[in-house]
Amino acid sequence: MFDPACPSSAMPIRIGDKWSAMVIVCLEHGPRRFSELRVPMRGVTPKVLTQTLRALERDGMVTRTVYPEIPPRVEYELTDLGRTMFGPIAACRAWADAHLEDLLRARAAYDQATPSAGGA
């Protein structure tokens, strides 16, 4: 079961990795600079956004273009491979729309029954 050679171990977006999907959605309408990505993604730290962008670049989902200007300008843009993620992201959104209330109720019930859980 869980063979190390299984392609699922190489998946670029894992269940619960909210930042990768958010970056992809933010880049849907064209390239953006780092600071332009941080605005809609209010809760992400610069370190985590940098790690996410590097991982997406490594996986071939985004390209990073550095323009030889002063000050330097860097833009991130989806690749064709990155654009293929819109379908799975839409499916996750549809699932969340249909099941978010159930999920939140289950978490609240668990946290109430397990005081030491504390949302961990």
N, C-alpha and C. Protein backbone atom coordinates (compact mmCIF):
# COMPACT_ATOMS: atom_id res chain seq x y z
N MET A 1 0.86 -1.17 0.00
CA MET A 1 0.00 0.00 0.00
C MET A 1 0.90 1.23 0.00
N PHE A 2 0.98 2.28 -0.15
CA PHE A 2 1.90 3.41 -0.03
C PHE A 2 3.30 3.11 -0.53
N ASP A 3 3.40 2.58 -1.71
CA ASP A 3 4.67 2.30 -2.36
C ASP A 3 5.44 3.60 -2.57
N PRO A 4 6.72 3.66 -2.21
CA PRO A 4 7.50 4.89 -2.40
C PRO A 4 7.56 5.34 -3.85
N ALA A 5 7.37 4.42 -4.79
CA ALA A 5 7.39 4.78 -6.21
C ALA A 5 6.04 5.33 -6.70
N CYS A 6 5.04 5.33 -5.82
CA CYS A 6 3.70 5.80 -6.20
C CYS A 6 3.76 7.29 -6.57
N PRO A 7 3.13 7.68 -7.68
CA PRO A 7 3.15 9.09 -8.09
C PRO A 7 2.51 10.04 -7.08
N SER A 8 1.66 9.56 -6.20
CA SER A 8 1.01 10.45 -5.24
C SER A 8 2.00 11.13 -4.31
N SER A 9 3.16 10.51 -4.10
CA SER A 9 4.16 11.12 -3.21
C SER A 9 4.79 12.36 -3.83
N ALA A 10 4.63 12.54 -5.12
CA ALA A 10 5.20 13.69 -5.82
C ALA A 10 4.17 14.79 -6.07
N MET A 11 2.98 14.65 -5.54
CA MET A 11 1.92 15.63 -5.80
C MET A 11 2.34 17.02 -5.34
N PRO A 12 2.13 18.05 -6.18
CA PRO A 12 2.55 19.41 -5.83
C PRO A 12 1.66 20.08 -4.80
N ILE A 13 0.41 19.69 -4.72
CA ILE A 13 -0.50 20.31 -3.76
C ILE A 13 -1.11 19.20 -2.92
N ARG A 14 -0.86 19.27 -1.65
CA ARG A 14 -1.36 18.26 -0.74
C ARG A 14 -2.60 18.79 -0.02
N ILE A 15 -3.45 17.88 0.40
CA ILE A 15 -4.64 18.27 1.14
C ILE A 15 -4.17 19.05 2.36
N GLY A 16 -4.70 20.23 2.55
CA GLY A 16 -4.32 21.06 3.68
C GLY A 16 -3.26 22.10 3.36
N ASP A 17 -2.64 22.03 2.19
CA ASP A 17 -1.65 23.03 1.80
C ASP A 17 -2.39 24.19 1.15
N LYS A 18 -2.88 25.10 1.97
CA LYS A 18 -3.72 26.18 1.46
C LYS A 18 -2.96 27.21 0.65
N TRP A 19 -1.68 27.40 0.91
CA TRP A 19 -0.97 28.49 0.25
C TRP A 19 -0.71 28.21 -1.23
N SER A 20 -0.35 26.97 -1.59
CA SER A 20 -0.08 26.67 -3.00
C SER A 20 -1.31 26.94 -3.86
N ALA A 21 -2.45 26.45 -3.42
CA ALA A 21 -3.67 26.68 -4.19
C ALA A 21 -4.01 28.16 -4.26
N MET A 22 -3.79 28.88 -3.17
CA MET A 22 -4.08 30.32 -3.18
C MET A 22 -3.16 31.07 -4.13
N VAL A 23 -1.88 30.70 -4.18
CA VAL A 23 -0.96 31.33 -5.12
C VAL A 23 -1.43 31.08 -6.55
N ILE A 24 -1.80 29.85 -6.85
CA ILE A 24 -2.27 29.52 -8.20
C ILE A 24 -3.49 30.35 -8.56
N VAL A 25 -4.43 30.47 -7.65
CA VAL A 25 -5.63 31.28 -7.91
C VAL A 25 -5.25 32.76 -8.10
N CYS A 26 -4.33 33.25 -7.29
CA CYS A 26 -3.91 34.65 -7.41
C CYS A 26 -3.23 34.94 -8.74
N LEU A 27 -2.61 33.93 -9.34
CA LEU A 27 -1.91 34.12 -10.61
C LEU A 27 -2.79 33.81 -11.83
N GLU A 28 -4.05 33.52 -11.58
CA GLU A 28 -4.95 33.11 -12.67
C GLU A 28 -5.02 34.13 -13.81
N HIS A 29 -5.02 35.41 -13.49
CA HIS A 29 -5.22 36.44 -14.51
C HIS A 29 -3.93 37.09 -14.99
N GLY A 30 -2.80 36.48 -14.68
CA GLY A 30 -1.54 37.00 -15.19
C GLY A 30 -0.47 37.12 -14.13
N PRO A 31 0.73 37.53 -14.55
CA PRO A 31 1.86 37.59 -13.62
C PRO A 31 1.66 38.63 -12.52
N ARG A 32 2.28 38.35 -11.39
CA ARG A 32 2.24 39.27 -10.24
C ARG A 32 3.60 39.30 -9.56
N ARG A 33 3.86 40.41 -8.92
CA ARG A 33 5.05 40.55 -8.11
C ARG A 33 4.78 39.96 -6.73
N PHE A 34 5.86 39.71 -5.99
CA PHE A 34 5.76 39.13 -4.65
C PHE A 34 4.81 39.96 -3.79
N SER A 35 5.00 41.27 -3.78
CA SER A 35 4.17 42.14 -2.93
C SER A 35 2.71 42.12 -3.37
N GLU A 36 2.46 41.92 -4.65
CA GLU A 36 1.08 41.84 -5.15
C GLU A 36 0.41 40.53 -4.74
N LEU A 37 1.19 39.51 -4.51
CA LEU A 37 0.63 38.24 -4.03
C LEU A 37 0.29 38.32 -2.55
N ARG A 38 1.07 39.08 -1.80
CA ARG A 38 0.85 39.16 -0.35
C ARG A 38 -0.46 39.86 0.00
N VAL A 39 -0.92 40.79 -0.84
CA VAL A 39 -2.13 41.56 -0.51
C VAL A 39 -3.35 40.66 -0.38
N PRO A 40 -3.70 39.84 -1.38
CA PRO A 40 -4.88 38.99 -1.20
C PRO A 40 -4.66 37.83 -0.23
N MET A 41 -3.39 37.49 0.02
CA MET A 41 -3.06 36.38 0.91
C MET A 41 -2.60 36.94 2.25
N ARG A 42 -3.47 37.67 2.91
CA ARG A 42 -3.14 38.44 4.10
C ARG A 42 -2.42 37.65 5.20
N GLY A 43 -2.74 36.41 5.39
CA GLY A 43 -2.19 35.68 6.53
C GLY A 43 -0.84 35.03 6.28
N VAL A 44 -0.32 35.08 5.07
CA VAL A 44 0.93 34.39 4.77
C VAL A 44 2.13 35.27 5.15
N THR A 45 3.13 34.65 5.74
CA THR A 45 4.36 35.37 6.06
C THR A 45 5.25 35.40 4.82
N PRO A 46 6.15 36.37 4.74
CA PRO A 46 7.07 36.40 3.60
C PRO A 46 7.86 35.10 3.44
N LYS A 47 8.28 34.51 4.56
CA LYS A 47 9.05 33.26 4.51
C LYS A 47 8.22 32.13 3.89
N VAL A 48 6.99 31.99 4.34
CA VAL A 48 6.14 30.91 3.84
C VAL A 48 5.78 31.15 2.37
N LEU A 49 5.52 32.39 2.00
CA LEU A 49 5.22 32.69 0.59
C LEU A 49 6.43 32.37 -0.28
N THR A 50 7.62 32.72 0.18
CA THR A 50 8.84 32.41 -0.57
C THR A 50 9.01 30.91 -0.74
N GLN A 51 8.80 30.16 0.34
CA GLN A 51 8.91 28.69 0.28
C GLN A 51 7.87 28.11 -0.68
N THR A 52 6.66 28.64 -0.64
CA THR A 52 5.59 28.15 -1.51
C THR A 52 5.91 28.43 -2.97
N LEU A 53 6.36 29.65 -3.26
CA LEU A 53 6.70 30.01 -4.64
C LEU A 53 7.86 29.15 -5.16
N ARG A 54 8.86 28.91 -4.32
CA ARG A 54 9.99 28.06 -4.74
C ARG A 54 9.53 26.64 -5.03
N ALA A 55 8.65 26.12 -4.18
CA ALA A 55 8.15 24.75 -4.39
C ALA A 55 7.34 24.68 -5.68
N LEU A 56 6.50 25.69 -5.93
CA LEU A 56 5.71 25.70 -7.16
C LEU A 56 6.60 25.86 -8.39
N GLU A 57 7.65 26.64 -8.26
CA GLU A 57 8.60 26.81 -9.37
C GLU A 57 9.33 25.48 -9.63
N ARG A 58 9.74 24.83 -8.57
CA ARG A 58 10.43 23.54 -8.69
C ARG A 58 9.54 22.51 -9.37
N ASP A 59 8.25 22.53 -9.06
CA ASP A 59 7.29 21.58 -9.64
C ASP A 59 6.85 21.97 -11.04
N GLY A 60 7.33 23.10 -11.55
CA GLY A 60 6.96 23.52 -12.90
C GLY A 60 5.62 24.20 -13.00
N MET A 61 5.07 24.62 -11.86
CA MET A 61 3.76 25.27 -11.84
C MET A 61 3.85 26.77 -12.11
N VAL A 62 4.94 27.40 -11.69
CA VAL A 62 5.12 28.84 -11.92
C VAL A 62 6.52 29.09 -12.46
N THR A 63 6.65 30.22 -13.13
CA THR A 63 7.96 30.68 -13.55
C THR A 63 8.26 31.97 -12.80
N ARG A 64 9.53 32.19 -12.55
CA ARG A 64 10.01 33.39 -11.87
C ARG A 64 10.86 34.14 -12.87
N THR A 65 10.47 35.38 -13.17
CA THR A 65 11.21 36.19 -14.12
C THR A 65 11.79 37.40 -13.41
N VAL A 66 13.11 37.57 -13.52
CA VAL A 66 13.80 38.71 -12.93
C VAL A 66 14.12 39.68 -14.06
N TYR A 67 13.65 40.92 -13.91
CA TYR A 67 13.90 41.95 -14.91
C TYR A 67 15.10 42.79 -14.48
N PRO A 68 16.01 43.06 -15.40
CA PRO A 68 17.22 43.83 -15.06
C PRO A 68 16.93 45.33 -14.95
N GLU A 69 16.26 45.69 -13.90
CA GLU A 69 15.88 47.08 -13.66
C GLU A 69 16.42 47.50 -12.30
N ILE A 70 16.42 48.78 -12.06
CA ILE A 70 16.79 49.29 -10.74
C ILE A 70 15.59 50.07 -10.22
N PRO A 71 14.99 49.65 -9.10
CA PRO A 71 15.28 48.41 -8.37
C PRO A 71 14.84 47.18 -9.16
N PRO A 72 15.42 46.02 -8.85
CA PRO A 72 15.06 44.80 -9.58
C PRO A 72 13.57 44.49 -9.45
N ARG A 73 13.02 43.97 -10.52
CA ARG A 73 11.60 43.58 -10.51
C ARG A 73 11.53 42.09 -10.80
N VAL A 74 10.77 41.38 -9.97
CA VAL A 74 10.59 39.94 -10.12
C VAL A 74 9.10 39.67 -10.25
N GLU A 75 8.73 38.86 -11.23
CA GLU A 75 7.32 38.48 -11.40
C GLU A 75 7.19 36.97 -11.42
N TYR A 76 6.05 36.52 -10.94
CA TYR A 76 5.71 35.11 -10.94
C TYR A 76 4.52 34.92 -11.86
N GLU A 77 4.56 33.84 -12.64
CA GLU A 77 3.49 33.58 -13.60
C GLU A 77 3.23 32.09 -13.68
N LEU A 78 1.97 31.73 -13.88
CA LEU A 78 1.62 30.32 -14.03
C LEU A 78 2.15 29.77 -15.35
N THR A 79 2.59 28.55 -15.32
CA THR A 79 2.94 27.84 -16.54
C THR A 79 1.68 27.13 -17.05
N ASP A 80 1.79 26.51 -18.21
CA ASP A 80 0.66 25.72 -18.71
C ASP A 80 0.33 24.59 -17.73
N LEU A 81 1.36 23.99 -17.16
CA LEU A 81 1.14 22.93 -16.16
C LEU A 81 0.42 23.49 -14.94
N GLY A 82 0.81 24.67 -14.49
CA GLY A 82 0.15 25.29 -13.34
C GLY A 82 -1.32 25.57 -13.61
N ARG A 83 -1.64 25.94 -14.84
CA ARG A 83 -3.03 26.22 -15.20
C ARG A 83 -3.91 24.97 -15.15
N THR A 84 -3.29 23.79 -15.25
CA THR A 84 -4.08 22.56 -15.17
C THR A 84 -4.61 22.32 -13.76
N MET A 85 -4.14 23.09 -12.78
CA MET A 85 -4.58 22.92 -11.40
C MET A 85 -5.93 23.59 -11.12
N PHE A 86 -6.43 24.40 -12.05
CA PHE A 86 -7.70 25.08 -11.80
C PHE A 86 -8.85 24.09 -11.58
N GLY A 87 -8.87 22.99 -12.32
CA GLY A 87 -9.93 21.98 -12.15
C GLY A 87 -9.92 21.36 -10.76
N PRO A 88 -8.78 20.82 -10.32
CA PRO A 88 -8.74 20.25 -8.96
C PRO A 88 -9.04 21.28 -7.87
N ILE A 89 -8.58 22.51 -8.06
CA ILE A 89 -8.86 23.55 -7.06
C ILE A 89 -10.35 23.84 -7.03
N ALA A 90 -10.98 23.89 -8.19
CA ALA A 90 -12.43 24.12 -8.24
C ALA A 90 -13.18 22.98 -7.55
N ALA A 91 -12.69 21.75 -7.71
CA ALA A 91 -13.33 20.60 -7.05
C ALA A 91 -13.20 20.72 -5.53
N CYS A 92 -12.04 21.17 -5.05
CA CYS A 92 -11.86 21.37 -3.60
C CYS A 92 -12.77 22.47 -3.08
N ARG A 93 -12.92 23.53 -3.87
CA ARG A 93 -13.83 24.62 -3.47
C ARG A 93 -15.27 24.11 -3.39
N ALA A 94 -15.67 23.33 -4.37
CA ALA A 94 -17.04 22.79 -4.37
C ALA A 94 -17.25 21.89 -3.16
N TRP A 95 -16.25 21.06 -2.85
CA TRP A 95 -16.36 20.19 -1.68
C TRP A 95 -16.50 21.03 -0.43
N ALA A 96 -15.68 22.08 -0.30
CA ALA A 96 -15.74 22.94 0.89
C ALA A 96 -17.10 23.63 0.99
N ASP A 97 -17.63 24.10 -0.14
CA ASP A 97 -18.96 24.73 -0.12
C ASP A 97 -20.02 23.76 0.39
N ALA A 98 -19.90 22.51 -0.02
CA ALA A 98 -20.90 21.51 0.37
C ALA A 98 -20.71 20.98 1.78
N HIS A 99 -19.48 20.99 2.30
CA HIS A 99 -19.21 20.28 3.55
C HIS A 99 -18.55 21.11 4.66
N LEU A 100 -18.34 22.40 4.44
CA LEU A 100 -17.62 23.20 5.44
C LEU A 100 -18.33 23.21 6.79
N GLU A 101 -19.64 23.38 6.80
CA GLU A 101 -20.37 23.40 8.07
C GLU A 101 -20.20 22.09 8.84
N ASP A 102 -20.27 20.97 8.12
CA ASP A 102 -20.07 19.66 8.75
C ASP A 102 -18.66 19.53 9.32
N LEU A 103 -17.69 19.98 8.58
CA LEU A 103 -16.31 19.93 9.02
C LEU A 103 -16.10 20.76 10.28
N LEU A 104 -16.63 21.98 10.29
CA LEU A 104 -16.48 22.85 11.46
C LEU A 104 -17.19 22.28 12.67
N ARG A 105 -18.37 21.68 12.47
CA ARG A 105 -19.08 21.03 13.58
C ARG A 105 -18.27 19.86 14.14
N ALA A 106 -17.68 19.08 13.26
CA ALA A 106 -16.88 17.94 13.70
C ALA A 106 -15.66 18.41 14.50
N ARG A 107 -15.01 19.45 14.04
CA ARG A 107 -13.85 19.99 14.76
C ARG A 107 -14.26 20.52 16.14
N ALA A 108 -15.37 21.24 16.18
CA ALA A 108 -15.83 21.79 17.46
C ALA A 108 -16.18 20.67 18.43
N ALA A 109 -16.85 19.62 17.95
CA ALA A 109 -17.21 18.49 18.80
C ALA A 109 -15.96 17.78 19.31
N TYR A 110 -14.99 17.61 18.45
CA TYR A 110 -13.74 16.96 18.86
C TYR A 110 -13.02 17.81 19.90
N ASP A 111 -12.90 19.11 19.64
CA ASP A 111 -12.21 19.98 20.57
C ASP A 111 -12.91 20.04 21.93
N GLN A 112 -14.25 19.98 21.91
CA GLN A 112 -14.98 20.00 23.17
C GLN A 112 -14.81 18.68 23.93
N ALA A 113 -14.77 17.57 23.23
CA ALA A 113 -14.62 16.27 23.86
C ALA A 113 -13.18 15.98 24.26
N THR A 114 -12.24 16.67 23.63
CA THR A 114 -10.82 16.44 23.88
C THR A 114 -10.18 17.78 24.23
N PRO A 115 -10.33 18.24 25.46
CA PRO A 115 -9.83 19.57 25.84
C PRO A 115 -8.34 19.78 25.53
N SER A 116 -7.53 18.75 25.63
CA SER A 116 -6.11 18.93 25.38
C SER A 116 -5.81 19.07 23.89
N ALA A 117 -6.79 18.80 23.01
CA ALA A 117 -6.55 18.90 21.57
C ALA A 117 -6.26 20.34 21.18
N GLY A 118 -7.03 21.27 21.66
CA GLY A 118 -6.79 22.70 21.42
C GLY A 118 -6.57 23.07 19.98
N GLY A 119 -7.18 22.34 19.05
CA GLY A 119 -7.05 22.67 17.64
C GLY A 119 -5.73 22.18 17.04
N ALA A 120 -4.99 21.36 17.76
CA ALA A 120 -3.70 20.90 17.23
C ALA A 120 -3.85 19.70 16.34
